[in-house]
């Protein structure tokens, strides 16, 4: 729903995040939400006191395939219906 709001209400062009590479559960959840991995910053984080890589992820509206529920609730449109120009 965060990406739905970001792209369809606030018209952001990109949303990005970073996560410690060992946090595979979070990475999977972010991918399901619509983010994709775009890179890695090596040894910039810490995991259990040890240096760890950070995974950089982003999402752009052109690749977002999630629901348009926020737009429907705010604008009174039907979910999935194209927005007016």
N, C-alpha and C. Protein backbone atom coordinates (compact mmCIF):
# COMPACT_ATOMS: atom_id res chain seq x y z
N UNK A 1 0.81 -1.20 0.00
CA UNK A 1 0.00 0.00 0.00
C UNK A 1 0.85 1.27 0.00
N UNK A 2 2.06 1.18 0.53
CA UNK A 2 2.94 2.34 0.53
C UNK A 2 3.25 2.75 -0.90
N UNK A 3 3.55 1.78 -1.76
CA UNK A 3 3.86 2.12 -3.15
C UNK A 3 2.62 2.61 -3.89
N UNK A 4 1.49 2.05 -3.57
CA UNK A 4 0.22 2.52 -4.15
C UNK A 4 0.07 4.01 -3.84
N UNK A 5 0.23 4.39 -2.59
CA UNK A 5 0.13 5.80 -2.18
C UNK A 5 1.21 6.63 -2.88
N UNK A 6 2.44 6.14 -2.87
CA UNK A 6 3.56 6.89 -3.44
C UNK A 6 3.36 7.20 -4.91
N UNK A 7 2.89 6.22 -5.66
CA UNK A 7 2.79 6.39 -7.11
C UNK A 7 1.48 7.00 -7.58
N UNK A 8 0.38 6.67 -6.94
CA UNK A 8 -0.93 7.09 -7.45
C UNK A 8 -1.51 8.32 -6.76
N UNK A 9 -1.01 8.67 -5.60
CA UNK A 9 -1.51 9.85 -4.90
C UNK A 9 -0.47 10.97 -4.90
N UNK A 10 0.74 10.66 -4.50
CA UNK A 10 1.78 11.70 -4.41
C UNK A 10 2.61 11.83 -5.67
N UNK A 11 2.44 10.94 -6.62
CA UNK A 11 3.12 10.98 -7.92
C UNK A 11 4.65 10.95 -7.82
N UNK A 12 5.16 10.19 -6.85
CA UNK A 12 6.61 10.03 -6.77
C UNK A 12 7.11 9.23 -7.98
N UNK A 13 8.33 9.50 -8.40
CA UNK A 13 8.90 8.80 -9.55
C UNK A 13 9.75 7.60 -9.15
N UNK A 14 10.16 7.53 -7.88
CA UNK A 14 10.97 6.41 -7.41
C UNK A 14 10.91 6.36 -5.89
N UNK A 15 10.85 5.16 -5.35
CA UNK A 15 10.95 4.93 -3.91
C UNK A 15 12.10 3.95 -3.73
N UNK A 16 13.03 4.26 -2.84
CA UNK A 16 14.16 3.36 -2.65
C UNK A 16 14.38 3.08 -1.18
N UNK A 17 15.10 1.99 -0.90
CA UNK A 17 15.41 1.60 0.47
C UNK A 17 16.69 0.80 0.48
N UNK A 18 17.25 0.64 1.67
CA UNK A 18 18.39 -0.26 1.83
C UNK A 18 18.11 -1.18 3.00
N UNK A 19 18.63 -2.39 2.91
CA UNK A 19 18.41 -3.41 3.92
C UNK A 19 19.68 -4.24 4.03
N UNK A 20 19.99 -4.68 5.25
CA UNK A 20 21.17 -5.53 5.45
C UNK A 20 20.97 -6.84 4.68
N UNK A 21 21.98 -7.27 3.96
CA UNK A 21 21.88 -8.43 3.07
C UNK A 21 21.45 -9.71 3.80
N UNK A 22 21.82 -9.86 5.06
CA UNK A 22 21.45 -11.06 5.80
C UNK A 22 19.97 -11.10 6.16
N UNK A 23 19.26 -10.01 6.01
CA UNK A 23 17.84 -9.96 6.34
C UNK A 23 17.01 -10.42 5.14
N UNK A 24 17.14 -11.71 4.82
CA UNK A 24 16.51 -12.25 3.62
C UNK A 24 14.98 -12.22 3.69
N UNK A 25 14.42 -12.32 4.87
CA UNK A 25 12.97 -12.24 5.01
C UNK A 25 12.45 -10.88 4.58
N UNK A 26 13.14 -9.82 4.99
CA UNK A 26 12.73 -8.47 4.60
C UNK A 26 12.90 -8.27 3.10
N UNK A 27 13.99 -8.79 2.54
CA UNK A 27 14.21 -8.65 1.10
C UNK A 27 13.08 -9.32 0.32
N UNK A 28 12.69 -10.51 0.73
CA UNK A 28 11.57 -11.19 0.06
C UNK A 28 10.28 -10.39 0.19
N UNK A 29 10.02 -9.84 1.37
CA UNK A 29 8.81 -9.05 1.58
C UNK A 29 8.81 -7.80 0.71
N UNK A 30 9.95 -7.13 0.62
CA UNK A 30 10.05 -5.94 -0.23
C UNK A 30 9.85 -6.29 -1.70
N UNK A 31 10.39 -7.43 -2.13
CA UNK A 31 10.18 -7.86 -3.52
C UNK A 31 8.70 -8.13 -3.78
N UNK A 32 8.02 -8.76 -2.85
CA UNK A 32 6.59 -9.01 -3.02
C UNK A 32 5.79 -7.71 -3.07
N UNK A 33 6.28 -6.69 -2.36
CA UNK A 33 5.60 -5.40 -2.34
C UNK A 33 5.82 -4.61 -3.63
N UNK A 34 6.81 -5.01 -4.45
CA UNK A 34 7.05 -4.33 -5.71
C UNK A 34 8.44 -3.74 -5.88
N UNK A 35 9.30 -3.90 -4.88
CA UNK A 35 10.67 -3.41 -5.01
C UNK A 35 11.52 -4.43 -5.75
N UNK A 36 12.64 -3.97 -6.33
CA UNK A 36 13.59 -4.86 -6.96
C UNK A 36 14.99 -4.47 -6.53
N UNK A 37 15.89 -5.42 -6.52
CA UNK A 37 17.27 -5.16 -6.13
C UNK A 37 17.98 -4.43 -7.26
N UNK A 38 18.65 -3.33 -6.91
CA UNK A 38 19.38 -2.56 -7.92
C UNK A 38 20.87 -2.49 -7.64
N UNK A 39 21.29 -2.93 -6.47
CA UNK A 39 22.72 -2.90 -6.19
C UNK A 39 23.04 -3.29 -4.76
N UNK A 40 24.33 -3.25 -4.46
CA UNK A 40 24.82 -3.60 -3.13
C UNK A 40 25.92 -2.62 -2.74
N UNK A 41 25.86 -2.16 -1.51
CA UNK A 41 26.97 -1.39 -0.94
C UNK A 41 27.71 -2.34 -0.01
N UNK A 42 28.96 -2.57 -0.30
CA UNK A 42 29.72 -3.58 0.42
C UNK A 42 30.21 -3.07 1.76
N UNK A 43 30.01 -3.91 2.78
CA UNK A 43 30.52 -3.71 4.13
C UNK A 43 30.15 -2.35 4.72
N UNK A 44 28.96 -1.88 4.46
CA UNK A 44 28.52 -0.58 4.97
C UNK A 44 27.60 -0.71 6.18
N UNK A 45 27.16 -1.90 6.47
CA UNK A 45 26.29 -2.13 7.61
C UNK A 45 26.95 -3.04 8.62
N UNK A 46 26.16 -3.41 9.62
CA UNK A 46 26.68 -4.30 10.66
C UNK A 46 25.60 -5.32 11.00
N UNK A 47 26.00 -6.58 11.14
CA UNK A 47 25.10 -7.67 11.50
C UNK A 47 25.78 -8.49 12.58
N UNK A 48 25.21 -8.51 13.77
CA UNK A 48 25.77 -9.23 14.91
C UNK A 48 27.22 -8.85 15.17
N UNK A 49 27.49 -7.56 15.05
CA UNK A 49 28.83 -7.05 15.32
C UNK A 49 29.83 -7.23 14.21
N UNK A 50 29.41 -7.76 13.09
CA UNK A 50 30.32 -7.99 11.95
C UNK A 50 29.93 -7.09 10.77
N UNK A 51 30.90 -6.70 9.96
CA UNK A 51 30.58 -5.91 8.77
C UNK A 51 29.62 -6.69 7.86
N UNK A 52 28.69 -5.96 7.27
CA UNK A 52 27.69 -6.60 6.40
C UNK A 52 27.40 -5.70 5.21
N UNK A 53 27.02 -6.33 4.12
CA UNK A 53 26.61 -5.59 2.92
C UNK A 53 25.19 -5.06 3.10
N UNK A 54 24.91 -3.96 2.40
CA UNK A 54 23.55 -3.43 2.33
C UNK A 54 23.03 -3.65 0.92
N UNK A 55 21.83 -4.13 0.80
CA UNK A 55 21.18 -4.31 -0.50
C UNK A 55 20.33 -3.07 -0.76
N UNK A 56 20.52 -2.48 -1.93
CA UNK A 56 19.76 -1.30 -2.33
C UNK A 56 18.61 -1.78 -3.22
N UNK A 57 17.40 -1.33 -2.90
CA UNK A 57 16.22 -1.73 -3.66
C UNK A 57 15.45 -0.47 -4.06
N UNK A 58 14.75 -0.55 -5.18
CA UNK A 58 13.89 0.56 -5.57
C UNK A 58 12.63 0.06 -6.25
N UNK A 59 11.70 0.99 -6.41
CA UNK A 59 10.46 0.71 -7.14
C UNK A 59 10.12 1.96 -7.94
N UNK A 60 9.66 1.76 -9.16
CA UNK A 60 9.24 2.86 -10.03
C UNK A 60 7.82 2.57 -10.52
N UNK A 61 7.05 3.61 -10.78
CA UNK A 61 5.65 3.40 -11.15
C UNK A 61 5.46 2.55 -12.41
N UNK A 62 6.38 2.64 -13.36
CA UNK A 62 6.23 1.88 -14.60
C UNK A 62 6.27 0.37 -14.37
N UNK A 63 6.90 -0.06 -13.28
CA UNK A 63 7.01 -1.49 -12.99
C UNK A 63 6.06 -1.95 -11.89
N UNK A 64 5.33 -1.02 -11.26
CA UNK A 64 4.45 -1.37 -10.15
C UNK A 64 3.19 -2.05 -10.67
N UNK A 65 2.95 -3.26 -10.19
CA UNK A 65 1.78 -4.02 -10.63
C UNK A 65 0.78 -4.26 -9.52
N UNK A 66 0.98 -3.60 -8.37
CA UNK A 66 0.11 -3.79 -7.22
C UNK A 66 -1.23 -3.11 -7.39
N UNK A 67 -2.07 -3.23 -6.37
CA UNK A 67 -3.42 -2.65 -6.43
C UNK A 67 -3.41 -1.14 -6.35
N UNK A 68 -4.52 -0.54 -6.76
CA UNK A 68 -4.69 0.91 -6.67
C UNK A 68 -5.76 1.23 -5.63
N UNK A 69 -5.65 0.61 -4.47
CA UNK A 69 -6.67 0.73 -3.44
C UNK A 69 -6.71 2.11 -2.80
N UNK A 70 -5.57 2.72 -2.56
CA UNK A 70 -5.54 4.04 -1.93
C UNK A 70 -6.17 5.06 -2.86
N UNK A 71 -5.83 5.00 -4.12
CA UNK A 71 -6.41 5.92 -5.10
C UNK A 71 -7.93 5.79 -5.11
N UNK A 72 -8.42 4.56 -5.08
CA UNK A 72 -9.86 4.33 -5.09
C UNK A 72 -10.52 4.92 -3.84
N UNK A 73 -9.88 4.73 -2.69
CA UNK A 73 -10.44 5.23 -1.44
C UNK A 73 -10.42 6.76 -1.39
N UNK A 74 -9.34 7.37 -1.85
CA UNK A 74 -9.21 8.82 -1.77
C UNK A 74 -10.04 9.52 -2.83
N UNK A 75 -10.02 9.01 -4.04
CA UNK A 75 -10.70 9.68 -5.15
C UNK A 75 -12.09 9.13 -5.43
N UNK A 76 -12.46 8.05 -4.77
CA UNK A 76 -13.78 7.47 -4.99
C UNK A 76 -13.89 6.70 -6.28
N UNK A 77 -12.75 6.31 -6.87
CA UNK A 77 -12.76 5.53 -8.10
C UNK A 77 -12.84 4.06 -7.78
N UNK A 78 -13.15 3.26 -8.77
CA UNK A 78 -13.15 1.81 -8.59
C UNK A 78 -11.71 1.30 -8.63
N UNK A 79 -11.35 0.35 -7.71
CA UNK A 79 -9.99 -0.20 -7.75
C UNK A 79 -9.64 -0.75 -9.12
N UNK A 80 -8.49 -0.34 -9.64
CA UNK A 80 -8.03 -0.84 -10.94
C UNK A 80 -8.49 0.02 -12.11
N UNK A 81 -9.44 0.92 -11.86
CA UNK A 81 -9.89 1.78 -12.95
C UNK A 81 -8.83 2.83 -13.23
N UNK A 82 -8.62 3.18 -14.49
CA UNK A 82 -7.61 4.19 -14.81
C UNK A 82 -7.99 5.53 -14.20
N UNK A 83 -6.97 6.27 -13.74
CA UNK A 83 -7.25 7.58 -13.16
C UNK A 83 -7.47 8.60 -14.26
N UNK A 84 -8.16 9.66 -13.92
CA UNK A 84 -8.42 10.70 -14.92
C UNK A 84 -7.19 11.59 -15.05
N UNK A 85 -6.94 12.14 -16.24
CA UNK A 85 -5.73 12.95 -16.47
C UNK A 85 -5.74 14.25 -15.71
